[in-house]
Amino acid sequence: METAIVFAVSNHFKVPSSALIYVSDNLIKGQTVCDESHSKEKEVREEIKKEVYKIGILSLIE
């Protein structure tokens, strides 16, 4: 819902917009934010998040 609002407002004012949607639960593997495996993989997720942010910024400035 929040992303739809950002896109609607940016479209109305003719301002470029982008959305980064990051999901950390893996329901197929049965992993949620409360699992021990989730805590162990924190560094990996942080590195991936940095790369995703870079891509998002590049998509706005190009």
PDB file of N, CA and C in Angstrom:
ATOM      1  N   MET A   1       0.816  -1.189   0.000  1.00  0.00           N
ATOM      2  CA  MET A   1       0.000   0.000   0.000  1.00  0.00           C
ATOM      3  C   MET A   1       0.863   1.257   0.000  1.00  0.00           C
ATOM      4  N   GLU A   2       1.892   1.273   0.819  1.00  0.00           N
ATOM      5  CA  GLU A   2       2.743   2.458   0.895  1.00  0.00           C
ATOM      6  C   GLU A   2       3.424   2.733  -0.438  1.00  0.00           C
ATOM      7  N   THR A   3       3.841   1.671  -1.101  1.00  0.00           N
ATOM      8  CA  THR A   3       4.500   1.828  -2.394  1.00  0.00           C
ATOM      9  C   THR A   3       3.535   2.414  -3.421  1.00  0.00           C
ATOM     10  N   ALA A   4       2.299   1.984  -3.398  1.00  0.00           N
ATOM     11  CA  ALA A   4       1.297   2.520  -4.325  1.00  0.00           C
ATOM     12  C   ALA A   4       1.098   4.010  -4.112  1.00  0.00           C
ATOM     13  N   ILE A   5       1.116   4.449  -2.870  1.00  0.00           N
ATOM     14  CA  ILE A   5       0.966   5.882  -2.569  1.00  0.00           C
ATOM     15  C   ILE A   5       2.158   6.655  -3.118  1.00  0.00           C
ATOM     16  N   VAL A   6       3.357   6.147  -2.898  1.00  0.00           N
ATOM     17  CA  VAL A   6       4.561   6.819  -3.412  1.00  0.00           C
ATOM     18  C   VAL A   6       4.484   6.946  -4.925  1.00  0.00           C
ATOM     19  N   PHE A   7       4.104   5.878  -5.612  1.00  0.00           N
ATOM     20  CA  PHE A   7       4.008   5.921  -7.067  1.00  0.00           C
ATOM     21  C   PHE A   7       2.908   6.871  -7.537  1.00  0.00           C
ATOM     22  N   ALA A   8       1.784   6.877  -6.866  1.00  0.00           N
ATOM     23  CA  ALA A   8       0.682   7.764  -7.265  1.00  0.00           C
ATOM     24  C   ALA A   8       1.072   9.235  -7.106  1.00  0.00           C
ATOM     25  N   VAL A   9       1.670   9.570  -5.989  1.00  0.00           N
ATOM     26  CA  VAL A   9       2.065  10.966  -5.746  1.00  0.00           C
ATOM     27  C   VAL A   9       3.177  11.382  -6.706  1.00  0.00           C
ATOM     28  N   SER A  10       4.171  10.507  -6.895  1.00  0.00           N
ATOM     29  CA  SER A  10       5.266  10.865  -7.797  1.00  0.00           C
ATOM     30  C   SER A  10       4.767  10.992  -9.231  1.00  0.00           C
ATOM     31  N   ASN A  11       3.825  10.178  -9.625  1.00  0.00           N
ATOM     32  CA  ASN A  11       3.252  10.274 -10.964  1.00  0.00           C
ATOM     33  C   ASN A  11       2.485  11.581 -11.131  1.00  0.00           C
ATOM     34  N   HIS A  12       1.730  11.947 -10.116  1.00  0.00           N
ATOM     35  CA  HIS A  12       0.946  13.181 -10.169  1.00  0.00           C
ATOM     36  C   HIS A  12       1.853  14.406 -10.337  1.00  0.00           C
ATOM     37  N   PHE A  13       2.961  14.430  -9.602  1.00  0.00           N
ATOM     38  CA  PHE A  13       3.877  15.570  -9.647  1.00  0.00           C
ATOM     39  C   PHE A  13       4.994  15.392 -10.665  1.00  0.00           C
ATOM     40  N   LYS A  14       4.945  14.318 -11.443  1.00  0.00           N
ATOM     41  CA  LYS A  14       5.942  14.032 -12.495  1.00  0.00           C
ATOM     42  C   LYS A  14       7.364  13.959 -11.924  1.00  0.00           C
ATOM     43  N   VAL A  15       7.493  13.255 -10.813  1.00  0.00           N
ATOM     44  CA  VAL A  15       8.782  13.069 -10.147  1.00  0.00           C
ATOM     45  C   VAL A  15       9.138  11.582 -10.245  1.00  0.00           C
ATOM     46  N   PRO A  16      10.371  11.256 -10.636  1.00  0.00           N
ATOM     47  CA  PRO A  16      10.749   9.840 -10.726  1.00  0.00           C
ATOM     48  C   PRO A  16      10.652   9.157  -9.358  1.00  0.00           C
ATOM     49  N   SER A  17      10.273   7.906  -9.377  1.00  0.00           N
ATOM     50  CA  SER A  17      10.211   7.159  -8.121  1.00  0.00           C
ATOM     51  C   SER A  17      10.651   5.725  -8.357  1.00  0.00           C
ATOM     52  N   SER A  18      10.998   5.096  -7.264  1.00  0.00           N
ATOM     53  CA  SER A  18      11.425   3.711  -7.310  1.00  0.00           C
ATOM     54  C   SER A  18      11.047   3.073  -5.979  1.00  0.00           C
ATOM     55  N   ALA A  19      10.885   1.774  -5.967  1.00  0.00           N
ATOM     56  CA  ALA A  19      10.556   1.079  -4.722  1.00  0.00           C
ATOM     57  C   ALA A  19      11.476  -0.116  -4.553  1.00  0.00           C
ATOM     58  N   LEU A  20      11.947  -0.293  -3.348  1.00  0.00           N
ATOM     59  CA  LEU A  20      12.739  -1.462  -2.997  1.00  0.00           C
ATOM     60  C   LEU A  20      11.946  -2.243  -1.970  1.00  0.00           C
ATOM     61  N   ILE A  21      11.566  -3.430  -2.320  1.00  0.00           N
ATOM     62  CA  ILE A  21      10.791  -4.263  -1.416  1.00  0.00           C
ATOM     63  C   ILE A  21      11.689  -5.411  -0.980  1.00  0.00           C
ATOM     64  N   TYR A  22      11.934  -5.481   0.297  1.00  0.00           N
ATOM     65  CA  TYR A  22      12.868  -6.452   0.843  1.00  0.00           C
ATOM     66  C   TYR A  22      12.129  -7.358   1.820  1.00  0.00           C
ATOM     67  N   VAL A  23      12.145  -8.639   1.552  1.00  0.00           N
ATOM     68  CA  VAL A  23      11.483  -9.611   2.408  1.00  0.00           C
ATOM     69  C   VAL A  23      12.549 -10.493   3.036  1.00  0.00           C
ATOM     70  N   SER A  24      12.523 -10.619   4.348  1.00  0.00           N
ATOM     71  CA  SER A  24      13.556 -11.434   4.988  1.00  0.00           C
ATOM     72  C   SER A  24      13.051 -12.788   5.468  1.00  0.00           C
ATOM     73  N   ASP A  25      11.750 -12.987   5.534  1.00  0.00           N
ATOM     74  CA  ASP A  25      11.214 -14.307   5.886  1.00  0.00           C
ATOM     75  C   ASP A  25      11.270 -15.218   4.665  1.00  0.00           C
ATOM     76  N   ASN A  26      11.519 -16.489   4.898  1.00  0.00           N
ATOM     77  CA  ASN A  26      11.465 -17.486   3.829  1.00  0.00           C
ATOM     78  C   ASN A  26      10.476 -18.556   4.262  1.00  0.00           C
ATOM     79  N   LEU A  27       9.225 -18.347   3.905  1.00  0.00           N
ATOM     80  CA  LEU A  27       8.173 -19.256   4.358  1.00  0.00           C
ATOM     81  C   LEU A  27       8.267 -20.625   3.719  1.00  0.00           C
ATOM     82  N   ILE A  28       8.896 -20.721   2.544  1.00  0.00           N
ATOM     83  CA  ILE A  28       9.068 -22.028   1.900  1.00  0.00           C
ATOM     84  C   ILE A  28      10.001 -22.907   2.727  1.00  0.00           C
ATOM     85  N   LYS A  29      11.056 -22.290   3.275  1.00  0.00           N
ATOM     86  CA  LYS A  29      11.978 -23.037   4.134  1.00  0.00           C
ATOM     87  C   LYS A  29      11.529 -23.029   5.592  1.00  0.00           C
ATOM     88  N   GLY A  30      10.449 -22.324   5.890  1.00  0.00           N
ATOM     89  CA  GLY A  30       9.963 -22.252   7.256  1.00  0.00           C
ATOM     90  C   GLY A  30      10.782 -21.331   8.139  1.00  0.00           C
ATOM     91  N   GLN A  31      11.506 -20.384   7.542  1.00  0.00           N
ATOM     92  CA  GLN A  31      12.354 -19.460   8.301  1.00  0.00           C
ATOM     93  C   GLN A  31      11.642 -18.122   8.478  1.00  0.00           C
ATOM     94  N   THR A  32      11.610 -17.669   9.715  1.00  0.00           N
ATOM     95  CA  THR A  32      11.064 -16.348  10.017  1.00  0.00           C
ATOM     96  C   THR A  32      12.118 -15.550  10.759  1.00  0.00           C
ATOM     97  N   VAL A  33      11.814 -14.301  11.054  1.00  0.00           N
ATOM     98  CA  VAL A  33      12.781 -13.453  11.751  1.00  0.00           C
ATOM     99  C   VAL A  33      13.087 -13.950  13.157  1.00  0.00           C
ATOM    100  N   CYS A  34      12.305 -14.843  13.677  1.00  0.00           N
ATOM    101  CA  CYS A  34      12.521 -15.380  15.030  1.00  0.00           C
ATOM    102  C   CYS A  34      13.436 -16.602  15.052  1.00  0.00           C
ATOM    103  N   ASP A  35      13.770 -17.153  13.892  1.00  0.00           N
ATOM    104  CA  ASP A  35      14.597 -18.358  13.835  1.00  0.00           C
ATOM    105  C   ASP A  35      16.067 -18.046  14.081  1.00  0.00           C
ATOM    106  N   GLU A  36      16.773 -19.050  14.595  1.00  0.00           N
ATOM    107  CA  GLU A  36      18.209 -18.918  14.832  1.00  0.00           C
ATOM    108  C   GLU A  36      18.969 -18.721  13.519  1.00  0.00           C
ATOM    109  N   SER A  37      18.540 -19.403  12.457  1.00  0.00           N
ATOM    110  CA  SER A  37      19.209 -19.282  11.158  1.00  0.00           C
ATOM    111  C   SER A  37      19.116 -17.850  10.631  1.00  0.00           C
ATOM    112  N   HIS A  38      18.043 -17.164  10.959  1.00  0.00           N
ATOM    113  CA  HIS A  38      17.870 -15.773  10.531  1.00  0.00           C
ATOM    114  C   HIS A  38      18.946 -14.896  11.160  1.00  0.00           C
ATOM    115  N   SER A  39      19.236 -15.109  12.421  1.00  0.00           N
ATOM    116  CA  SER A  39      20.279 -14.336  13.116  1.00  0.00           C
ATOM    117  C   SER A  39      21.652 -14.630  12.548  1.00  0.00           C
ATOM    118  N   LYS A  40      21.915 -15.888  12.216  1.00  0.00           N
ATOM    119  CA  LYS A  40      23.227 -16.287  11.696  1.00  0.00           C
ATOM    120  C   LYS A  40      23.513 -15.666  10.333  1.00  0.00           C
ATOM    121  N   GLU A  41      22.479 -15.402   9.553  1.00  0.00           N
ATOM    122  CA  GLU A  41      22.666 -14.887   8.194  1.00  0.00           C
ATOM    123  C   GLU A  41      22.555 -13.367   8.105  1.00  0.00           C
ATOM    124  N   LYS A  42      22.627 -12.685   9.241  1.00  0.00           N
ATOM    125  CA  LYS A  42      22.431 -11.236   9.265  1.00  0.00           C
ATOM    126  C   LYS A  42      23.452 -10.498   8.395  1.00  0.00           C
ATOM    127  N   GLU A  43      24.722 -10.862   8.493  1.00  0.00           N
ATOM    128  CA  GLU A  43      25.756 -10.169   7.713  1.00  0.00           C
ATOM    129  C   GLU A  43      25.523 -10.317   6.216  1.00  0.00           C
ATOM    130  N   VAL A  44      25.146 -11.500   5.795  1.00  0.00           N
ATOM    131  CA  VAL A  44      24.885 -11.740   4.373  1.00  0.00           C
ATOM    132  C   VAL A  44      23.729 -10.863   3.902  1.00  0.00           C
ATOM    133  N   ARG A  45      22.656 -10.805   4.695  1.00  0.00           N
ATOM    134  CA  ARG A  45      21.502  -9.975   4.329  1.00  0.00           C
ATOM    135  C   ARG A  45      21.881  -8.500   4.263  1.00  0.00           C
ATOM    136  N   GLU A  46      22.736  -8.042   5.174  1.00  0.00           N
ATOM    137  CA  GLU A  46      23.152  -6.638   5.166  1.00  0.00           C
ATOM    138  C   GLU A  46      23.942  -6.301   3.898  1.00  0.00           C
ATOM    139  N   GLU A  47      24.809  -7.190   3.459  1.00  0.00           N
ATOM    140  CA  GLU A  47      25.566  -6.968   2.225  1.00  0.00           C
ATOM    141  C   GLU A  47      24.637  -6.943   1.008  1.00  0.00           C
ATOM    142  N   ILE A  48      23.683  -7.853   0.985  1.00  0.00           N
ATOM    143  CA  ILE A  48      22.716  -7.883  -0.117  1.00  0.00           C
ATOM    144  C   ILE A  48      21.898  -6.595  -0.121  1.00  0.00           C
ATOM    145  N   LYS A  49      21.491  -6.141   1.064  1.00  0.00           N
ATOM    146  CA  LYS A  49      20.707  -4.922   1.170  1.00  0.00           C
ATOM    147  C   LYS A  49      21.478  -3.714   0.628  1.00  0.00           C
ATOM    148  N   LYS A  50      22.773  -3.632   0.919  1.00  0.00           N
ATOM    149  CA  LYS A  50      23.598  -2.531   0.400  1.00  0.00           C
ATOM    150  C   LYS A  50      23.603  -2.521  -1.128  1.00  0.00           C
ATOM    151  N   GLU A  51      23.741  -3.701  -1.720  1.00  0.00           N
ATOM    152  CA  GLU A  51      23.744  -3.792  -3.175  1.00  0.00           C
ATOM    153  C   GLU A  51      22.383  -3.408  -3.764  1.00  0.00           C
ATOM    154  N   VAL A  52      21.315  -3.836  -3.110  1.00  0.00           N
ATOM    155  CA  VAL A  52      19.969  -3.499  -3.575  1.00  0.00           C
ATOM    156  C   VAL A  52      19.761  -1.989  -3.516  1.00  0.00           C
ATOM    157  N   TYR A  53      20.234  -1.346  -2.459  1.00  0.00           N
ATOM    158  CA  TYR A  53      20.114   0.117  -2.339  1.00  0.00           C
ATOM    159  C   TYR A  53      20.880   0.824  -3.455  1.00  0.00           C
ATOM    160  N   LYS A  54      22.073   0.332  -3.764  1.00  0.00           N
ATOM    161  CA  LYS A  54      22.854   0.929  -4.858  1.00  0.00           C
ATOM    162  C   LYS A  54      22.088   0.845  -6.179  1.00  0.00           C
ATOM    163  N   ILE A  55      21.514  -0.305  -6.449  1.00  0.00           N
ATOM    164  CA  ILE A  55      20.756  -0.491  -7.684  1.00  0.00           C
ATOM    165  C   ILE A  55      19.549   0.436  -7.711  1.00  0.00           C
ATOM    166  N   GLY A  56      18.868   0.574  -6.578  1.00  0.00           N
ATOM    167  CA  GLY A  56      17.711   1.473  -6.502  1.00  0.00           C
ATOM    168  C   GLY A  56      18.085   2.920  -6.780  1.00  0.00           C
ATOM    169  N   ILE A  57      19.188   3.370  -6.210  1.00  0.00           N
ATOM    170  CA  ILE A  57      19.635   4.744  -6.437  1.00  0.00           C
ATOM    171  C   ILE A  57      20.016   4.933  -7.895  1.00  0.00           C
ATOM    172  N   LEU A  58      20.721   3.973  -8.470  1.00  0.00           N
ATOM    173  CA  LEU A  58      21.114   4.079  -9.876  1.00  0.00           C
ATOM    174  C   LEU A  58      19.888   4.138 -10.778  1.00  0.00           C
ATOM    175  N   SER A  59      18.834   3.411 -10.434  1.00  0.00           N
ATOM    176  CA  SER A  59      17.631   3.420 -11.272  1.00  0.00           C
ATOM    177  C   SER A  59      16.955   4.786 -11.250  1.00  0.00           C
ATOM    178  N   LEU A  60      17.133   5.538 -10.195  1.00  0.00           N
ATOM    179  CA  LEU A  60      16.523   6.872 -10.119  1.00  0.00           C
ATOM    180  C   LEU A  60      17.332   7.930 -10.857  1.00  0.00           C
ATOM    181  N   ILE A  61      18.650   7.797 -10.865  1.00  0.00           N
ATOM    182  CA  ILE A  61      19.476   8.855 -11.465  1.00  0.00           C
ATOM    183  C   ILE A  61      19.748   8.627 -12.953  1.00  0.00           C
ATOM    184  N   GLU A  62      19.435   7.455 -13.459  1.00  0.00           N
ATOM    185  CA  GLU A  62      19.670   7.204 -14.890  1.00  0.00           C
ATOM    186  C   GLU A  62      18.519   7.636 -15.735  1.00  0.00           C
TER     187      GLU A  62
END
